[in-house]
Amino acid sequence: MISGILASPGIAFGKALLLKEDEIVIDRKKISADKVDQEVERFLSGRAKASASWRSSKPKLVKLSVKKRSHLRRAYYAAGR
């Protein structure tokens, strides 16, 4: 059995969101000066892909009910995002 955060008394049945916090690992490595532009481009490309992924998901989220969006938003922020 998994215990959750007490919101109200009683027993609830349904789907649960299990939050698992992974340790954040920052890979620190030195790069030569001639690789800086390449690494910056790699970063900007990754950021653009993440942004595009969010934008493509947004219309799907709009179709969800307000209640479901609220739950998703709370779960997202509870996960520390």
PDB file of N, CA and C in Angstrom:
ATOM      1  N   MET A   1       0.845  -1.169   0.000  1.00  0.00           N
ATOM      2  CA  MET A   1       0.000   0.000   0.000  1.00  0.00           C
ATOM      3  C   MET A   1       0.893   1.235   0.000  1.00  0.00           C
ATOM      4  N   ILE A   2       0.488   2.228  -0.760  1.00  0.00           N
ATOM      5  CA  ILE A   2       1.212   3.487  -0.823  1.00  0.00           C
ATOM      6  C   ILE A   2       0.370   4.556  -0.148  1.00  0.00           C
ATOM      7  N   SER A   3       0.972   5.268   0.774  1.00  0.00           N
ATOM      8  CA  SER A   3       0.272   6.355   1.456  1.00  0.00           C
ATOM      9  C   SER A   3       0.497   7.645   0.698  1.00  0.00           C
ATOM     10  N   GLY A   4      -0.486   8.506   0.742  1.00  0.00           N
ATOM     11  CA  GLY A   4      -0.373   9.786   0.045  1.00  0.00           C
ATOM     12  C   GLY A   4      -0.445  10.938   1.020  1.00  0.00           C
ATOM     13  N   ILE A   5      -0.580  12.106   0.474  1.00  0.00           N
ATOM     14  CA  ILE A   5      -0.714  13.313   1.279  1.00  0.00           C
ATOM     15  C   ILE A   5      -2.183  13.452   1.671  1.00  0.00           C
ATOM     16  N   LEU A   6      -2.433  13.670   2.940  1.00  0.00           N
ATOM     17  CA  LEU A   6      -3.790  13.783   3.439  1.00  0.00           C
ATOM     18  C   LEU A   6      -4.422  15.079   2.955  1.00  0.00           C
ATOM     19  N   ALA A   7      -5.481  14.944   2.189  1.00  0.00           N
ATOM     20  CA  ALA A   7      -6.204  16.121   1.708  1.00  0.00           C
ATOM     21  C   ALA A   7      -7.553  16.228   2.403  1.00  0.00           C
ATOM     22  N   SER A   8      -8.177  15.081   2.623  1.00  0.00           N
ATOM     23  CA  SER A   8      -9.443  15.046   3.334  1.00  0.00           C
ATOM     24  C   SER A   8      -9.594  13.650   3.915  1.00  0.00           C
ATOM     25  N   PRO A   9     -10.387  13.504   4.966  1.00  0.00           N
ATOM     26  CA  PRO A   9     -10.531  12.196   5.588  1.00  0.00           C
ATOM     27  C   PRO A   9     -11.243  11.208   4.669  1.00  0.00           C
ATOM     28  N   GLY A  10     -10.947   9.934   4.852  1.00  0.00           N
ATOM     29  CA  GLY A  10     -11.632   8.902   4.088  1.00  0.00           C
ATOM     30  C   GLY A  10     -10.687   8.102   3.219  1.00  0.00           C
ATOM     31  N   ILE A  11     -11.278   7.240   2.432  1.00  0.00           N
ATOM     32  CA  ILE A  11     -10.527   6.376   1.526  1.00  0.00           C
ATOM     33  C   ILE A  11     -10.896   6.763   0.106  1.00  0.00           C
ATOM     34  N   ALA A  12      -9.905   6.772  -0.765  1.00  0.00           N
ATOM     35  CA  ALA A  12     -10.160   7.129  -2.163  1.00  0.00           C
ATOM     36  C   ALA A  12      -9.717   5.992  -3.068  1.00  0.00           C
ATOM     37  N   PHE A  13     -10.429   5.815  -4.149  1.00  0.00           N
ATOM     38  CA  PHE A  13     -10.079   4.824  -5.153  1.00  0.00           C
ATOM     39  C   PHE A  13      -9.864   5.548  -6.474  1.00  0.00           C
ATOM     40  N   GLY A  14      -8.888   5.110  -7.212  1.00  0.00           N
ATOM     41  CA  GLY A  14      -8.640   5.727  -8.515  1.00  0.00           C
ATOM     42  C   GLY A  14      -7.169   5.717  -8.847  1.00  0.00           C
ATOM     43  N   LYS A  15      -6.857   6.374  -9.933  1.00  0.00           N
ATOM     44  CA  LYS A  15      -5.465   6.435 -10.368  1.00  0.00           C
ATOM     45  C   LYS A  15      -4.691   7.378  -9.462  1.00  0.00           C
ATOM     46  N   ALA A  16      -3.458   7.006  -9.194  1.00  0.00           N
ATOM     47  CA  ALA A  16      -2.591   7.832  -8.356  1.00  0.00           C
ATOM     48  C   ALA A  16      -1.357   8.228  -9.153  1.00  0.00           C
ATOM     49  N   LEU A  17      -0.849   9.375  -8.853  1.00  0.00           N
ATOM     50  CA  LEU A  17       0.378   9.851  -9.467  1.00  0.00           C
ATOM     51  C   LEU A  17       1.491   9.664  -8.452  1.00  0.00           C
ATOM     52  N   LEU A  18       2.448   8.836  -8.783  1.00  0.00           N
ATOM     53  CA  LEU A  18       3.566   8.582  -7.888  1.00  0.00           C
ATOM     54  C   LEU A  18       4.724   9.469  -8.315  1.00  0.00           C
ATOM     55  N   LEU A  19       5.079  10.390  -7.446  1.00  0.00           N
ATOM     56  CA  LEU A  19       6.180  11.296  -7.745  1.00  0.00           C
ATOM     57  C   LEU A  19       7.473  10.702  -7.215  1.00  0.00           C
ATOM     58  N   LYS A  20       8.437  10.614  -8.085  1.00  0.00           N
ATOM     59  CA  LYS A  20       9.743  10.107  -7.692  1.00  0.00           C
ATOM     60  C   LYS A  20      10.763  11.158  -8.095  1.00  0.00           C
ATOM     61  N   GLU A  21      11.477  11.641  -7.131  1.00  0.00           N
ATOM     62  CA  GLU A  21      12.471  12.662  -7.427  1.00  0.00           C
ATOM     63  C   GLU A  21      13.810  11.996  -7.674  1.00  0.00           C
ATOM     64  N   ASP A  22      14.325  12.197  -8.865  1.00  0.00           N
ATOM     65  CA  ASP A  22      15.640  11.680  -9.201  1.00  0.00           C
ATOM     66  C   ASP A  22      16.692  12.723  -8.848  1.00  0.00           C
ATOM     67  N   GLU A  23      17.847  12.236  -8.512  1.00  0.00           N
ATOM     68  CA  GLU A  23      18.945  13.140  -8.232  1.00  0.00           C
ATOM     69  C   GLU A  23      19.355  13.835  -9.526  1.00  0.00           C
ATOM     70  N   ILE A  24      19.552  15.120  -9.439  1.00  0.00           N
ATOM     71  CA  ILE A  24      19.985  15.875 -10.611  1.00  0.00           C
ATOM     72  C   ILE A  24      21.498  15.753 -10.718  1.00  0.00           C
ATOM     73  N   VAL A  25      21.943  15.272 -11.849  1.00  0.00           N
ATOM     74  CA  VAL A  25      23.373  15.101 -12.083  1.00  0.00           C
ATOM     75  C   VAL A  25      23.804  16.094 -13.153  1.00  0.00           C
ATOM     76  N   ILE A  26      24.743  16.918 -12.809  1.00  0.00           N
ATOM     77  CA  ILE A  26      25.270  17.885 -13.765  1.00  0.00           C
ATOM     78  C   ILE A  26      26.631  17.389 -14.219  1.00  0.00           C
ATOM     79  N   ASP A  27      26.718  17.120 -15.499  1.00  0.00           N
ATOM     80  CA  ASP A  27      27.968  16.625 -16.073  1.00  0.00           C
ATOM     81  C   ASP A  27      28.858  17.820 -16.391  1.00  0.00           C
ATOM     82  N   ARG A  28      29.887  17.990 -15.620  1.00  0.00           N
ATOM     83  CA  ARG A  28      30.802  19.112 -15.842  1.00  0.00           C
ATOM     84  C   ARG A  28      32.031  18.591 -16.576  1.00  0.00           C
ATOM     85  N   LYS A  29      32.261  19.172 -17.720  1.00  0.00           N
ATOM     86  CA  LYS A  29      33.460  18.797 -18.464  1.00  0.00           C
ATOM     87  C   LYS A  29      34.001  20.033 -19.160  1.00  0.00           C
ATOM     88  N   LYS A  30      35.278  20.066 -19.296  1.00  0.00           N
ATOM     89  CA  LYS A  30      35.908  21.193 -19.973  1.00  0.00           C
ATOM     90  C   LYS A  30      35.926  20.912 -21.465  1.00  0.00           C
ATOM     91  N   ILE A  31      35.709  21.967 -22.223  1.00  0.00           N
ATOM     92  CA  ILE A  31      35.779  21.842 -23.675  1.00  0.00           C
ATOM     93  C   ILE A  31      36.777  22.875 -24.193  1.00  0.00           C
ATOM     94  N   SER A  32      37.326  22.570 -25.309  1.00  0.00           N
ATOM     95  CA  SER A  32      38.287  23.503 -25.897  1.00  0.00           C
ATOM     96  C   SER A  32      37.545  24.694 -26.494  1.00  0.00           C
ATOM     97  N   ALA A  33      38.247  25.788 -26.643  1.00  0.00           N
ATOM     98  CA  ALA A  33      37.647  27.027 -27.140  1.00  0.00           C
ATOM     99  C   ALA A  33      36.999  26.842 -28.505  1.00  0.00           C
ATOM    100  N   ASP A  34      37.551  25.975 -29.330  1.00  0.00           N
ATOM    101  CA  ASP A  34      36.991  25.783 -30.671  1.00  0.00           C
ATOM    102  C   ASP A  34      35.677  24.998 -30.655  1.00  0.00           C
ATOM    103  N   LYS A  35      35.303  24.433 -29.514  1.00  0.00           N
ATOM    104  CA  LYS A  35      34.050  23.673 -29.397  1.00  0.00           C
ATOM    105  C   LYS A  35      32.920  24.496 -28.777  1.00  0.00           C
ATOM    106  N   VAL A  36      33.219  25.694 -28.305  1.00  0.00           N
ATOM    107  CA  VAL A  36      32.219  26.504 -27.606  1.00  0.00           C
ATOM    108  C   VAL A  36      31.018  26.792 -28.501  1.00  0.00           C
ATOM    109  N   ASP A  37      31.259  27.264 -29.717  1.00  0.00           N
ATOM    110  CA  ASP A  37      30.146  27.577 -30.624  1.00  0.00           C
ATOM    111  C   ASP A  37      29.282  26.345 -30.893  1.00  0.00           C
ATOM    112  N   GLN A  38      29.916  25.200 -31.044  1.00  0.00           N
ATOM    113  CA  GLN A  38      29.188  23.950 -31.290  1.00  0.00           C
ATOM    114  C   GLN A  38      28.309  23.593 -30.089  1.00  0.00           C
ATOM    115  N   GLU A  39      28.833  23.759 -28.895  1.00  0.00           N
ATOM    116  CA  GLU A  39      28.067  23.440 -27.684  1.00  0.00           C
ATOM    117  C   GLU A  39      26.911  24.421 -27.475  1.00  0.00           C
ATOM    118  N   VAL A  40      27.141  25.688 -27.772  1.00  0.00           N
ATOM    119  CA  VAL A  40      26.065  26.679 -27.665  1.00  0.00           C
ATOM    120  C   VAL A  40      24.954  26.324 -28.644  1.00  0.00           C
ATOM    121  N   GLU A  41      25.314  25.956 -29.853  1.00  0.00           N
ATOM    122  CA  GLU A  41      24.320  25.567 -30.861  1.00  0.00           C
ATOM    123  C   GLU A  41      23.550  24.318 -30.414  1.00  0.00           C
ATOM    124  N   ARG A  42      24.260  23.381 -29.810  1.00  0.00           N
ATOM    125  CA  ARG A  42      23.610  22.162 -29.307  1.00  0.00           C
ATOM    126  C   ARG A  42      22.600  22.508 -28.213  1.00  0.00           C
ATOM    127  N   PHE A  43      22.977  23.418 -27.322  1.00  0.00           N
ATOM    128  CA  PHE A  43      22.071  23.864 -26.266  1.00  0.00           C
ATOM    129  C   PHE A  43      20.837  24.540 -26.855  1.00  0.00           C
ATOM    130  N   LEU A  44      21.057  25.484 -27.780  1.00  0.00           N
ATOM    131  CA  LEU A  44      19.937  26.212 -28.379  1.00  0.00           C
ATOM    132  C   LEU A  44      19.008  25.272 -29.145  1.00  0.00           C
ATOM    133  N   SER A  45      19.576  24.283 -29.805  1.00  0.00           N
ATOM    134  CA  SER A  45      18.771  23.293 -30.530  1.00  0.00           C
ATOM    135  C   SER A  45      17.910  22.480 -29.561  1.00  0.00           C
ATOM    136  N   GLY A  46      18.503  22.048 -28.457  1.00  0.00           N
ATOM    137  CA  GLY A  46      17.755  21.291 -27.451  1.00  0.00           C
ATOM    138  C   GLY A  46      16.642  22.106 -26.836  1.00  0.00           C
ATOM    139  N   ARG A  47      16.932  23.376 -26.571  1.00  0.00           N
ATOM    140  CA  ARG A  47      15.915  24.269 -26.017  1.00  0.00           C
ATOM    141  C   ARG A  47      14.767  24.468 -27.001  1.00  0.00           C
ATOM    142  N   ALA A  48      15.094  24.610 -28.276  1.00  0.00           N
ATOM    143  CA  ALA A  48      14.057  24.784 -29.302  1.00  0.00           C
ATOM    144  C   ALA A  48      13.187  23.534 -29.416  1.00  0.00           C
ATOM    145  N   LYS A  49      13.799  22.355 -29.328  1.00  0.00           N
ATOM    146  CA  LYS A  49      13.034  21.099 -29.396  1.00  0.00           C
ATOM    147  C   LYS A  49      12.091  20.977 -28.203  1.00  0.00           C
ATOM    148  N   ALA A  50      12.575  21.338 -27.011  1.00  0.00           N
ATOM    149  CA  ALA A  50      11.728  21.271 -25.813  1.00  0.00           C
ATOM    150  C   ALA A  50      10.559  22.242 -25.932  1.00  0.00           C
ATOM    151  N   SER A  51      10.829  23.424 -26.438  1.00  0.00           N
ATOM    152  CA  SER A  51       9.781  24.427 -26.616  1.00  0.00           C
ATOM    153  C   SER A  51       8.746  23.954 -27.636  1.00  0.00           C
ATOM    154  N   ALA A  52       9.210  23.366 -28.731  1.00  0.00           N
ATOM    155  CA  ALA A  52       8.298  22.848 -29.761  1.00  0.00           C
ATOM    156  C   ALA A  52       7.441  21.719 -29.199  1.00  0.00           C
ATOM    157  N   SER A  53       8.045  20.886 -28.362  1.00  0.00           N
ATOM    158  CA  SER A  53       7.300  19.785 -27.748  1.00  0.00           C
ATOM    159  C   SER A  53       6.182  20.334 -26.867  1.00  0.00           C
ATOM    160  N   TRP A  54       6.485  21.375 -26.094  1.00  0.00           N
ATOM    161  CA  TRP A  54       5.475  21.992 -25.236  1.00  0.00           C
ATOM    162  C   TRP A  54       4.355  22.595 -26.077  1.00  0.00           C
ATOM    163  N   ARG A  55       4.737  23.324 -27.135  1.00  0.00           N
ATOM    164  CA  ARG A  55       3.725  23.955 -27.988  1.00  0.00           C
ATOM    165  C   ARG A  55       2.832  22.912 -28.651  1.00  0.00           C
ATOM    166  N   SER A  56       3.383  21.770 -29.034  1.00  0.00           N
ATOM    167  CA  SER A  56       2.557  20.741 -29.676  1.00  0.00           C
ATOM    168  C   SER A  56       1.631  20.060 -28.667  1.00  0.00           C
ATOM    169  N   SER A  57       2.010  20.057 -27.393  1.00  0.00           N
ATOM    170  CA  SER A  57       1.174  19.448 -26.352  1.00  0.00           C
ATOM    171  C   SER A  57       0.076  20.389 -25.883  1.00  0.00           C
ATOM    172  N   LYS A  58       0.294  21.672 -26.020  1.00  0.00           N
ATOM    173  CA  LYS A  58      -0.639  22.665 -25.486  1.00  0.00           C
ATOM    174  C   LYS A  58      -2.066  22.504 -26.014  1.00  0.00           C
ATOM    175  N   PRO A  59      -2.290  22.306 -27.342  1.00  0.00           N
ATOM    176  CA  PRO A  59      -3.676  22.131 -27.814  1.00  0.00           C
ATOM    177  C   PRO A  59      -4.373  20.918 -27.185  1.00  0.00           C
ATOM    178  N   LYS A  60      -3.624  19.866 -26.922  1.00  0.00           N
ATOM    179  CA  LYS A  60      -4.211  18.678 -26.291  1.00  0.00           C
ATOM    180  C   LYS A  60      -4.640  18.999 -24.865  1.00  0.00           C
ATOM    181  N   LEU A  61      -3.823  19.788 -24.165  1.00  0.00           N
ATOM    182  CA  LEU A  61      -4.159  20.150 -22.792  1.00  0.00           C
ATOM    183  C   LEU A  61      -5.384  21.051 -22.731  1.00  0.00           C
ATOM    184  N   VAL A  62      -5.539  21.919 -23.710  1.00  0.00           N
ATOM    185  CA  VAL A  62      -6.687  22.828 -23.743  1.00  0.00           C
ATOM    186  C   VAL A  62      -7.990  22.043 -23.834  1.00  0.00           C
ATOM    187  N   LYS A  63      -7.961  20.898 -24.510  1.00  0.00           N
ATOM    188  CA  LYS A  63      -9.165  20.080 -24.669  1.00  0.00           C
ATOM    189  C   LYS A  63      -9.560  19.366 -23.378  1.00  0.00           C
ATOM    190  N   LEU A  64      -8.611  19.217 -22.453  1.00  0.00           N
ATOM    191  CA  LEU A  64      -8.926  18.558 -21.192  1.00  0.00           C
ATOM    192  C   LEU A  64      -9.822  19.456 -20.353  1.00  0.00           C
ATOM    193  N   SER A  65     -10.553  18.851 -19.472  1.00  0.00           N
ATOM    194  CA  SER A  65     -11.407  19.638 -18.583  1.00  0.00           C
ATOM    195  C   SER A  65     -10.538  20.504 -17.671  1.00  0.00           C
ATOM    196  N   VAL A  66     -11.134  21.543 -17.149  1.00  0.00           N
ATOM    197  CA  VAL A  66     -10.425  22.449 -16.245  1.00  0.00           C
ATOM    198  C   VAL A  66      -9.896  21.679 -15.042  1.00  0.00           C
ATOM    199  N   LYS A  67     -10.688  20.758 -14.528  1.00  0.00           N
ATOM    200  CA  LYS A  67     -10.285  19.989 -13.354  1.00  0.00           C
ATOM    201  C   LYS A  67      -9.049  19.148 -13.657  1.00  0.00           C
ATOM    202  N   LYS A  68      -9.033  18.484 -14.807  1.00  0.00           N
ATOM    203  CA  LYS A  68      -7.873  17.665 -15.170  1.00  0.00           C
ATOM    204  C   LYS A  68      -6.638  18.526 -15.388  1.00  0.00           C
ATOM    205  N   ARG A  69      -6.814  19.685 -16.019  1.00  0.00           N
ATOM    206  CA  ARG A  69      -5.668  20.580 -16.231  1.00  0.00           C
ATOM    207  C   ARG A  69      -5.108  21.047 -14.896  1.00  0.00           C
ATOM    208  N   SER A  70      -5.996  21.313 -13.955  1.00  0.00           N
ATOM    209  CA  SER A  70      -5.567  21.762 -12.639  1.00  0.00           C
ATOM    210  C   SER A  70      -4.730  20.688 -11.953  1.00  0.00           C
ATOM    211  N   HIS A  71      -5.172  19.432 -12.052  1.00  0.00           N
ATOM    212  CA  HIS A  71      -4.420  18.318 -11.459  1.00  0.00           C
ATOM    213  C   HIS A  71      -3.058  18.179 -12.125  1.00  0.00           C
ATOM    214  N   LEU A  72      -3.016  18.276 -13.439  1.00  0.00           N
ATOM    215  CA  LEU A  72      -1.746  18.170 -14.156  1.00  0.00           C
ATOM    216  C   LEU A  72      -0.798  19.294 -13.757  1.00  0.00           C
ATOM    217  N   ARG A  73      -1.330  20.498 -13.647  1.00  0.00           N
ATOM    218  CA  ARG A  73      -0.504  21.647 -13.280  1.00  0.00           C
ATOM    219  C   ARG A  73       0.073  21.467 -11.878  1.00  0.00           C
ATOM    220  N   ARG A  74      -0.776  21.028 -10.938  1.00  0.00           N
ATOM    221  CA  ARG A  74      -0.290  20.822  -9.567  1.00  0.00           C
ATOM    222  C   ARG A  74       0.775  19.737  -9.524  1.00  0.00           C
ATOM    223  N   ALA A  75       0.564  18.651 -10.267  1.00  0.00           N
ATOM    224  CA  ALA A  75       1.553  17.568 -10.295  1.00  0.00           C
ATOM    225  C   ALA A  75       2.864  18.059 -10.899  1.00  0.00           C
ATOM    226  N   TYR A  76       2.758  18.855 -11.938  1.00  0.00           N
ATOM    227  CA  TYR A  76       3.947  19.391 -12.606  1.00  0.00           C
ATOM    228  C   TYR A  76       4.765  20.245 -11.636  1.00  0.00           C
ATOM    229  N   TYR A  77       4.091  21.150 -10.924  1.00  0.00           N
ATOM    230  CA  TYR A  77       4.812  22.024 -10.006  1.00  0.00           C
ATOM    231  C   TYR A  77       5.262  21.280  -8.754  1.00  0.00           C
ATOM    232  N   ALA A  78       4.517  20.276  -8.331  1.00  0.00           N
ATOM    233  CA  ALA A  78       4.926  19.488  -7.168  1.00  0.00           C
ATOM    234  C   ALA A  78       6.205  18.720  -7.465  1.00  0.00           C
ATOM    235  N   ALA A  79       6.389  18.381  -8.739  1.00  0.00           N
ATOM    236  CA  ALA A  79       7.595  17.655  -9.135  1.00  0.00           C
ATOM    237  C   ALA A  79       8.797  18.592  -9.233  1.00  0.00           C
ATOM    238  N   GLY A  80       8.563  19.878  -9.011  1.00  0.00           N
ATOM    239  CA  GLY A  80       9.666  20.831  -9.005  1.00  0.00           C
ATOM    240  C   GLY A  80      10.093  21.282 -10.380  1.00  0.00           C
ATOM    241  N   ARG A  81       9.188  21.298 -11.308  1.00  0.00           N
ATOM    242  CA  ARG A  81       9.529  21.679 -12.684  1.00  0.00           C
ATOM    243  C   ARG A  81       9.349  23.145 -12.892  1.00  0.00           C
TER     244      ARG A  81
END
